Amino acid sequence: MNDVQSLRPAIELAMKNGVRFPNESAAYREARDALLAEEIELRRHIERVAEQRRRLPPGGAVPGNYTFEGENGPISFEDLFDDKETLVVYSYMFGPERERPCPMCTSLLSSWDGEVPDIRQRVSFAVVARSPIRRLIDFREERGWHHLPLYSDMEGEYSRDYHALGANGSDDAAFNVFTRRDGTMRHFWSQEMGAVTADPGQDPRGAPDLMPLWTILDATPEGRSPHWYPKLSY
């Protein structure tokens, strides 16, 4: 990571940018350069946070070798690592009390589906839900997913331990990262931002935001609306 003191001022870099667009006004360029400086600072902050995350001390040991149901039968938690040292698990809100899965989770997973082959070059990846595996596969086919590895946690033990179950037994989305070093499986990091950490007037979300949908909408004049969410169909 670059030493902060060695970095050139963001506004200095912004002024060297030199990009111009047809018929833009001087006022637009002045405001855009100021915004660019903030974007440079944001990039730097994202990298500082990522570096701080990578320096976390070892997390808690995984309390048990949970068993899931996959397309090819039962599979243990450790086997989800395959040949990798790191495992990313997304808990999908599609439990027994739901007639249909969560639209927000579904939108997120749809955007990740094509990335799975790339993700798995570096780490192992799994999507876990508290529905029978056949139900998950049927929805995958309906949605047109090709790469998402789906696993059923019908016993709910993993989901309970790693905060994918609400206090009333309903589903919660969860994004957890685990490591396997020297034969020990440990929790590394989880997205912990939610309703209690939300700022006034903002939709609760993590940082960085996992949804490419919001990244695109944040670049538009309309932005993201706290009153609009994706649907399963339109």
C-alpha atoms as a PDB file:
ATOM      1  CA  MET A   1       0.000   0.000   0.000  1.00  0.00           C
ATOM      2  CA  ASN A   2       1.275   3.501  -0.804  1.00  0.00           C
ATOM      3  CA  ASP A   3       2.356   5.695   2.086  1.00  0.00           C
ATOM      4  CA  VAL A   4      -0.313   8.406   2.380  1.00  0.00           C
ATOM      5  CA  GLN A   5       2.398  11.049   2.768  1.00  0.00           C
ATOM      6  CA  SER A   6       3.914  10.058  -0.588  1.00  0.00           C
ATOM      7  CA  LEU A   7       0.665  10.490  -2.520  1.00  0.00           C
ATOM      8  CA  ARG A   8       0.188  13.613  -4.587  1.00  0.00           C
ATOM      9  CA  PRO A   9      -2.787  15.805  -3.634  1.00  0.00           C
ATOM     10  CA  ALA A  10      -5.975  14.547  -5.268  1.00  0.00           C
ATOM     11  CA  ILE A  11      -6.894  17.968  -6.670  1.00  0.00           C
ATOM     12  CA  GLU A  12      -3.458  18.173  -8.314  1.00  0.00           C
ATOM     13  CA  LEU A  13      -4.063  14.856 -10.077  1.00  0.00           C
ATOM     14  CA  ALA A  14      -7.574  15.964 -11.045  1.00  0.00           C
ATOM     15  CA  MET A  15      -6.286  19.143 -12.671  1.00  0.00           C
ATOM     16  CA  LYS A  16      -3.864  17.074 -14.785  1.00  0.00           C
ATOM     17  CA  ASN A  17      -6.725  14.945 -16.083  1.00  0.00           C
ATOM     18  CA  GLY A  18      -7.273  16.948 -19.266  1.00  0.00           C
ATOM     19  CA  VAL A  19     -10.552  15.267 -20.297  1.00  0.00           C
ATOM     20  CA  ARG A  20     -13.090  17.519 -22.002  1.00  0.00           C
ATOM     21  CA  PHE A  21     -16.476  16.828 -23.596  1.00  0.00           C
ATOM     22  CA  PRO A  22     -18.304  18.675 -26.399  1.00  0.00           C
ATOM     23  CA  ASN A  23     -19.947  21.980 -25.382  1.00  0.00           C
ATOM     24  CA  GLU A  24     -19.245  21.624 -21.657  1.00  0.00           C
ATOM     25  CA  SER A  25     -19.230  24.910 -19.742  1.00  0.00           C
ATOM     26  CA  ALA A  26     -16.470  26.282 -17.538  1.00  0.00           C
ATOM     27  CA  ALA A  27     -18.786  25.829 -14.541  1.00  0.00           C
ATOM     28  CA  TYR A  28     -19.294  22.169 -15.407  1.00  0.00           C
ATOM     29  CA  ARG A  29     -15.539  21.571 -15.749  1.00  0.00           C
ATOM     30  CA  GLU A  30     -14.759  23.298 -12.457  1.00  0.00           C
ATOM     31  CA  ALA A  31     -17.383  21.221 -10.617  1.00  0.00           C
ATOM     32  CA  ARG A  32     -16.344  18.038 -12.394  1.00  0.00           C
ATOM     33  CA  ASP A  33     -12.672  18.503 -11.477  1.00  0.00           C
ATOM     34  CA  ALA A  34     -13.652  19.051  -7.843  1.00  0.00           C
ATOM     35  CA  LEU A  35     -15.738  15.872  -7.994  1.00  0.00           C
ATOM     36  CA  LEU A  36     -12.857  13.989  -9.615  1.00  0.00           C
ATOM     37  CA  ALA A  37     -10.626  14.946  -6.699  1.00  0.00           C
ATOM     38  CA  GLU A  38     -13.212  13.475  -4.317  1.00  0.00           C
ATOM     39  CA  GLU A  39     -13.405  10.315  -6.453  1.00  0.00           C
ATOM     40  CA  ILE A  40      -9.627   9.959  -6.229  1.00  0.00           C
ATOM     41  CA  GLU A  41      -9.847  10.320  -2.452  1.00  0.00           C
ATOM     42  CA  LEU A  42     -12.631   7.730  -2.387  1.00  0.00           C
ATOM     43  CA  ARG A  43     -10.467   5.272  -4.345  1.00  0.00           C
ATOM     44  CA  ARG A  44      -7.667   5.810  -1.868  1.00  0.00           C
ATOM     45  CA  HIS A  45      -9.994   5.308   1.086  1.00  0.00           C
ATOM     46  CA  ILE A  46     -11.367   2.084  -0.414  1.00  0.00           C
ATOM     47  CA  GLU A  47      -7.798   0.772  -0.689  1.00  0.00           C
ATOM     48  CA  ARG A  48      -6.998   1.799   2.895  1.00  0.00           C
ATOM     49  CA  VAL A  49     -10.077  -0.029   4.158  1.00  0.00           C
ATOM     50  CA  ALA A  50      -9.224  -3.108   2.087  1.00  0.00           C
ATOM     51  CA  GLU A  51      -5.698  -3.099   3.512  1.00  0.00           C
ATOM     52  CA  GLN A  52      -7.074  -2.792   7.052  1.00  0.00           C
ATOM     53  CA  ARG A  53      -9.427  -5.707   6.346  1.00  0.00           C
ATOM     54  CA  ARG A  54      -6.547  -7.864   5.116  1.00  0.00           C
ATOM     55  CA  ARG A  55      -4.673  -7.165   8.368  1.00  0.00           C
ATOM     56  CA  LEU A  56      -7.442  -8.500  10.615  1.00  0.00           C
ATOM     57  CA  PRO A  57      -6.236 -10.940  13.292  1.00  0.00           C
ATOM     58  CA  PRO A  58      -7.336 -14.573  12.885  1.00  0.00           C
ATOM     59  CA  GLY A  59     -11.096 -14.903  13.338  1.00  0.00           C
ATOM     60  CA  GLY A  60     -12.917 -17.520  15.338  1.00  0.00           C
ATOM     61  CA  ALA A  61     -12.496 -21.173  14.424  1.00  0.00           C
ATOM     62  CA  VAL A  62     -15.497 -22.628  12.587  1.00  0.00           C
ATOM     63  CA  PRO A  63     -17.366 -24.526  15.346  1.00  0.00           C
ATOM     64  CA  GLY A  64     -18.304 -27.546  13.257  1.00  0.00           C
ATOM     65  CA  ASN A  65     -17.988 -29.168   9.865  1.00  0.00           C
ATOM     66  CA  TYR A  66     -21.499 -28.305   8.685  1.00  0.00           C
ATOM     67  CA  THR A  67     -23.190 -30.522   6.117  1.00  0.00           C
ATOM     68  CA  PHE A  68     -25.075 -29.158   3.110  1.00  0.00           C
ATOM     69  CA  GLU A  69     -26.950 -30.757   0.242  1.00  0.00           C
ATOM     70  CA  GLY A  70     -25.546 -30.032  -3.197  1.00  0.00           C
ATOM     71  CA  GLU A  71     -26.510 -31.139  -6.674  1.00  0.00           C
ATOM     72  CA  ASN A  72     -24.424 -34.283  -6.251  1.00  0.00           C
ATOM     73  CA  GLY A  73     -25.502 -35.109  -2.704  1.00  0.00           C
ATOM     74  CA  PRO A  74     -24.246 -34.195   0.780  1.00  0.00           C
ATOM     75  CA  ILE A  75     -21.127 -32.057   1.063  1.00  0.00           C
ATOM     76  CA  SER A  76     -19.248 -30.869   4.124  1.00  0.00           C
ATOM     77  CA  PHE A  77     -18.326 -27.280   4.871  1.00  0.00           C
ATOM     78  CA  GLU A  78     -14.645 -28.080   4.491  1.00  0.00           C
ATOM     79  CA  ASP A  79     -15.252 -29.648   1.092  1.00  0.00           C
ATOM     80  CA  LEU A  80     -16.682 -26.322  -0.086  1.00  0.00           C
ATOM     81  CA  PHE A  81     -13.111 -24.993   0.027  1.00  0.00           C
ATOM     82  CA  ASP A  82     -12.140 -27.482  -2.686  1.00  0.00           C
ATOM     83  CA  ASP A  83      -8.458 -26.771  -3.431  1.00  0.00           C
ATOM     84  CA  LYS A  84      -8.543 -23.152  -2.218  1.00  0.00           C
ATOM     85  CA  GLU A  85      -7.502 -21.557   1.076  1.00  0.00           C
ATOM     86  CA  THR A  86     -10.356 -19.052   1.120  1.00  0.00           C
ATOM     87  CA  LEU A  87     -14.105 -19.614   0.861  1.00  0.00           C
ATOM     88  CA  VAL A  88     -16.771 -16.968   0.197  1.00  0.00           C
ATOM     89  CA  VAL A  89     -20.325 -17.914   1.197  1.00  0.00           C
ATOM     90  CA  TYR A  90     -23.420 -15.888   0.335  1.00  0.00           C
ATOM     91  CA  SER A  91     -26.572 -16.724   2.282  1.00  0.00           C
ATOM     92  CA  TYR A  92     -29.547 -16.398  -0.062  1.00  0.00           C
ATOM     93  CA  MET A  93     -32.922 -15.343   1.357  1.00  0.00           C
ATOM     94  CA  PHE A  94     -34.922 -18.273   0.011  1.00  0.00           C
ATOM     95  CA  GLY A  95     -36.030 -20.173   3.094  1.00  0.00           C
ATOM     96  CA  PRO A  96     -39.023 -22.430   3.745  1.00  0.00           C
ATOM     97  CA  GLU A  97     -41.313 -19.546   4.709  1.00  0.00           C
ATOM     98  CA  ARG A  98     -40.825 -17.891   1.302  1.00  0.00           C
ATOM     99  CA  GLU A  99     -42.970 -18.724  -1.678  1.00  0.00           C
ATOM    100  CA  ARG A 100     -40.454 -16.956  -3.909  1.00  0.00           C
ATOM    101  CA  PRO A 101     -36.870 -15.815  -3.213  1.00  0.00           C
ATOM    102  CA  CYS A 102     -35.845 -12.334  -2.163  1.00  0.00           C
ATOM    103  CA  PRO A 103     -35.781 -10.051  -5.255  1.00  0.00           C
ATOM    104  CA  MET A 104     -32.774  -8.087  -3.963  1.00  0.00           C
ATOM    105  CA  CYS A 105     -30.725 -11.239  -3.361  1.00  0.00           C
ATOM    106  CA  THR A 106     -31.800 -12.544  -6.756  1.00  0.00           C
ATOM    107  CA  SER A 107     -30.721  -9.345  -8.504  1.00  0.00           C
ATOM    108  CA  LEU A 108     -27.340  -9.502  -6.781  1.00  0.00           C
ATOM    109  CA  LEU A 109     -26.788 -13.173  -7.626  1.00  0.00           C
ATOM    110  CA  SER A 110     -27.819 -12.593 -11.236  1.00  0.00           C
ATOM    111  CA  SER A 111     -25.041 -10.026 -11.554  1.00  0.00           C
ATOM    112  CA  TRP A 112     -22.525 -12.413  -9.971  1.00  0.00           C
ATOM    113  CA  ASP A 113     -23.447 -15.488 -12.016  1.00  0.00           C
ATOM    114  CA  GLY A 114     -21.171 -14.677 -14.934  1.00  0.00           C
ATOM    115  CA  GLU A 115     -18.319 -13.736 -12.590  1.00  0.00           C
ATOM    116  CA  VAL A 116     -18.216 -17.102 -10.814  1.00  0.00           C
ATOM    117  CA  PRO A 117     -15.676 -18.714 -13.191  1.00  0.00           C
ATOM    118  CA  ASP A 118     -13.354 -15.741 -12.589  1.00  0.00           C
ATOM    119  CA  ILE A 119     -13.940 -15.670  -8.813  1.00  0.00           C
ATOM    120  CA  ARG A 120     -13.099 -19.352  -8.550  1.00  0.00           C
ATOM    121  CA  GLN A 121      -9.676 -18.789 -10.050  1.00  0.00           C
ATOM    122  CA  ARG A 122      -8.739 -17.105  -6.774  1.00  0.00           C
ATOM    123  CA  VAL A 123     -11.107 -18.374  -4.068  1.00  0.00           C
ATOM    124  CA  SER A 124     -13.882 -20.879  -3.586  1.00  0.00           C
ATOM    125  CA  PHE A 125     -17.479 -19.632  -3.703  1.00  0.00           C
ATOM    126  CA  ALA A 126     -20.836 -20.992  -2.542  1.00  0.00           C
ATOM    127  CA  VAL A 127     -24.444 -19.819  -2.311  1.00  0.00           C
ATOM    128  CA  VAL A 128     -26.373 -21.310   0.616  1.00  0.00           C
ATOM    129  CA  ALA A 129     -30.139 -21.189   1.205  1.00  0.00           C
ATOM    130  CA  ARG A 130     -32.586 -22.938   3.522  1.00  0.00           C
ATOM    131  CA  SER A 131     -34.593 -24.541   0.726  1.00  0.00           C
ATOM    132  CA  PRO A 132     -34.397 -28.074  -0.678  1.00  0.00           C
ATOM    133  CA  ILE A 133     -31.715 -28.369  -3.318  1.00  0.00           C
ATOM    134  CA  ARG A 134     -34.260 -29.268  -6.006  1.00  0.00           C
ATOM    135  CA  ARG A 135     -36.138 -26.040  -5.334  1.00  0.00           C
ATOM    136  CA  LEU A 136     -32.911 -24.061  -5.678  1.00  0.00           C
ATOM    137  CA  ILE A 137     -31.975 -25.787  -8.924  1.00  0.00           C
ATOM    138  CA  ASP A 138     -35.446 -25.238 -10.374  1.00  0.00           C
ATOM    139  CA  PHE A 139     -35.210 -21.525  -9.678  1.00  0.00           C
ATOM    140  CA  ARG A 140     -31.697 -21.373 -11.092  1.00  0.00           C
ATOM    141  CA  GLU A 141     -33.053 -22.813 -14.329  1.00  0.00           C
ATOM    142  CA  GLU A 142     -35.976 -20.381 -14.312  1.00  0.00           C
ATOM    143  CA  ARG A 143     -33.636 -17.451 -13.824  1.00  0.00           C
ATOM    144  CA  GLY A 144     -31.145 -18.661 -16.429  1.00  0.00           C
ATOM    145  CA  TRP A 145     -28.159 -18.870 -14.120  1.00  0.00           C
ATOM    146  CA  HIS A 146     -25.272 -20.992 -15.361  1.00  0.00           C
ATOM    147  CA  HIS A 147     -22.460 -20.883 -12.825  1.00  0.00           C
ATOM    148  CA  LEU A 148     -23.751 -20.224  -9.298  1.00  0.00           C
ATOM    149  CA  PRO A 149     -22.918 -23.190  -7.003  1.00  0.00           C
ATOM    150  CA  LEU A 150     -26.044 -23.733  -4.875  1.00  0.00           C
ATOM    151  CA  TYR A 151     -26.249 -25.593  -1.569  1.00  0.00           C
ATOM    152  CA  SER A 152     -29.123 -26.352   0.761  1.00  0.00           C
ATOM    153  CA  ASP A 153     -28.847 -25.788   4.520  1.00  0.00           C
ATOM    154  CA  MET A 154     -32.081 -27.433   5.559  1.00  0.00           C
ATOM    155  CA  GLU A 155     -30.883 -28.025   9.129  1.00  0.00           C
ATOM    156  CA  GLY A 156     -30.084 -24.312   9.377  1.00  0.00           C
ATOM    157  CA  GLU A 157     -27.097 -24.815  11.672  1.00  0.00           C
ATOM    158  CA  TYR A 158     -24.672 -22.870   9.500  1.00  0.00           C
ATOM    159  CA  SER A 159     -27.279 -20.187   8.773  1.00  0.00           C
ATOM    160  CA  ARG A 160     -27.940 -19.755  12.485  1.00  0.00           C
ATOM    161  CA  ASP A 161     -24.279 -19.500  13.460  1.00  0.00           C
ATOM    162  CA  TYR A 162     -23.339 -17.050  10.729  1.00  0.00           C
ATOM    163  CA  HIS A 163     -26.254 -14.616  10.977  1.00  0.00           C
ATOM    164  CA  ALA A 164     -28.396 -15.709   8.042  1.00  0.00           C
ATOM    165  CA  LEU A 165     -31.407 -16.164  10.325  1.00  0.00           C
ATOM    166  CA  GLY A 166     -33.310 -13.299  11.902  1.00  0.00           C
ATOM    167  CA  ALA A 167     -34.445 -13.244  15.518  1.00  0.00           C
ATOM    168  CA  ASN A 168     -37.894 -14.473  14.481  1.00  0.00           C
ATOM    169  CA  GLY A 169     -36.497 -17.322  12.387  1.00  0.00           C
ATOM    170  CA  SER A 170     -36.865 -15.529   9.060  1.00  0.00           C
ATOM    171  CA  ASP A 171     -34.107 -15.313   6.457  1.00  0.00           C
ATOM    172  CA  ASP A 172     -31.385 -12.713   6.483  1.00  0.00           C
ATOM    173  CA  ALA A 173     -28.853 -12.199   3.726  1.00  0.00           C
ATOM    174  CA  ALA A 174     -25.260 -12.745   4.828  1.00  0.00           C
ATOM    175  CA  PHE A 175     -21.872 -12.479   3.162  1.00  0.00           C
ATOM    176  CA  ASN A 176     -19.117 -14.373   4.964  1.00  0.00           C
ATOM    177  CA  VAL A 177     -15.492 -15.096   4.151  1.00  0.00           C
ATOM    178  CA  PHE A 178     -13.620 -18.040   5.677  1.00  0.00           C
ATOM    179  CA  THR A 179     -10.023 -19.224   5.575  1.00  0.00           C
ATOM    180  CA  ARG A 180      -8.368 -22.607   5.886  1.00  0.00           C
ATOM    181  CA  ARG A 181      -4.785 -22.317   7.083  1.00  0.00           C
ATOM    182  CA  ASP A 182      -2.696 -25.136   8.551  1.00  0.00           C
ATOM    183  CA  GLY A 183      -5.750 -27.368   8.680  1.00  0.00           C
ATOM    184  CA  THR A 184      -7.874 -24.906  10.704  1.00  0.00           C
ATOM    185  CA  MET A 185     -11.000 -23.298   9.250  1.00  0.00           C
ATOM    186  CA  ARG A 186     -11.663 -19.814  10.573  1.00  0.00           C
ATOM    187  CA  HIS A 187     -14.080 -16.991   9.994  1.00  0.00           C
ATOM    188  CA  PHE A 188     -12.251 -14.077   8.347  1.00  0.00           C
ATOM    189  CA  TRP A 189     -14.799 -11.320   7.688  1.00  0.00           C
ATOM    190  CA  SER A 190     -18.509 -10.675   7.348  1.00  0.00           C
ATOM    191  CA  GLN A 191     -20.455  -7.702   6.112  1.00  0.00           C
ATOM    192  CA  GLU A 192     -21.794  -6.270   9.396  1.00  0.00           C
ATOM    193  CA  MET A 193     -23.348  -3.011   8.233  1.00  0.00           C
ATOM    194  CA  GLY A 194     -27.142  -2.968   8.456  1.00  0.00           C
ATOM    195  CA  ALA A 195     -30.123  -1.074   9.816  1.00  0.00           C
ATOM    196  CA  VAL A 196     -28.487  -0.103  13.122  1.00  0.00           C
ATOM    197  CA  THR A 197     -25.452   1.356  11.312  1.00  0.00           C
ATOM    198  CA  ALA A 198     -27.406   3.208   8.601  1.00  0.00           C
ATOM    199  CA  ASP A 199     -27.184   6.977   8.299  1.00  0.00           C
ATOM    200  CA  PRO A 200     -30.436   9.010   8.385  1.00  0.00           C
ATOM    201  CA  GLY A 201     -32.360   8.961   5.112  1.00  0.00           C
ATOM    202  CA  GLN A 202     -30.232   6.244   3.562  1.00  0.00           C
ATOM    203  CA  ASP A 203     -31.118   2.701   2.665  1.00  0.00           C
ATOM    204  CA  PRO A 204     -29.090   0.331   4.880  1.00  0.00           C
ATOM    205  CA  ARG A 205     -26.227  -1.117   2.904  1.00  0.00           C
ATOM    206  CA  GLY A 206     -22.679  -2.247   3.238  1.00  0.00           C
ATOM    207  CA  ALA A 207     -19.517  -0.553   2.067  1.00  0.00           C
ATOM    208  CA  PRO A 208     -18.327  -1.405  -0.423  1.00  0.00           C
ATOM    209  CA  ASP A 209     -21.755  -2.129  -1.851  1.00  0.00           C
ATOM    210  CA  LEU A 210     -21.881  -5.643  -3.296  1.00  0.00           C
ATOM    211  CA  MET A 211     -24.559  -4.837  -5.887  1.00  0.00           C
ATOM    212  CA  PRO A 212     -23.384  -3.641  -9.327  1.00  0.00           C
ATOM    213  CA  LEU A 213     -26.943  -2.390  -9.876  1.00  0.00           C
ATOM    214  CA  TRP A 214     -26.465   0.374  -7.309  1.00  0.00           C
ATOM    215  CA  THR A 215     -22.985   1.213  -8.596  1.00  0.00           C
ATOM    216  CA  ILE A 216     -24.490   1.963 -12.005  1.00  0.00           C
ATOM    217  CA  LEU A 217     -27.464   3.909 -10.636  1.00  0.00           C
ATOM    218  CA  ASP A 218     -25.177   5.947  -8.361  1.00  0.00           C
ATOM    219  CA  ALA A 219     -23.532   7.297 -11.530  1.00  0.00           C
ATOM    220  CA  THR A 220     -26.854   8.696 -12.833  1.00  0.00           C
ATOM    221  CA  PRO A 221     -28.771  11.905 -11.999  1.00  0.00           C
ATOM    222  CA  GLU A 222     -31.630   9.807 -10.588  1.00  0.00           C
ATOM    223  CA  GLY A 223     -29.338   7.905  -8.246  1.00  0.00           C
ATOM    224  CA  ARG A 224     -30.673   5.108  -6.092  1.00  0.00           C
ATOM    225  CA  SER A 225     -34.138   5.540  -4.601  1.00  0.00           C
ATOM    226  CA  PRO A 226     -34.983   4.322  -1.094  1.00  0.00           C
ATOM    227  CA  HIS A 227     -38.452   3.515  -2.487  1.00  0.00           C
ATOM    228  CA  TRP A 228     -37.452   1.380  -5.488  1.00  0.00           C
ATOM    229  CA  TYR A 229     -36.098  -2.132  -5.422  1.00  0.00           C
ATOM    230  CA  PRO A 230     -35.625  -4.784  -8.119  1.00  0.00           C
ATOM    231  CA  LYS A 231     -38.365  -7.331  -8.772  1.00  0.00           C
ATOM    232  CA  LEU A 232     -38.275 -10.953  -9.856  1.00  0.00           C
ATOM    233  CA  SER A 233     -40.096 -10.006 -13.062  1.00  0.00           C
ATOM    234  CA  TYR A 234     -41.359  -6.895 -14.865  1.00  0.00           C
END
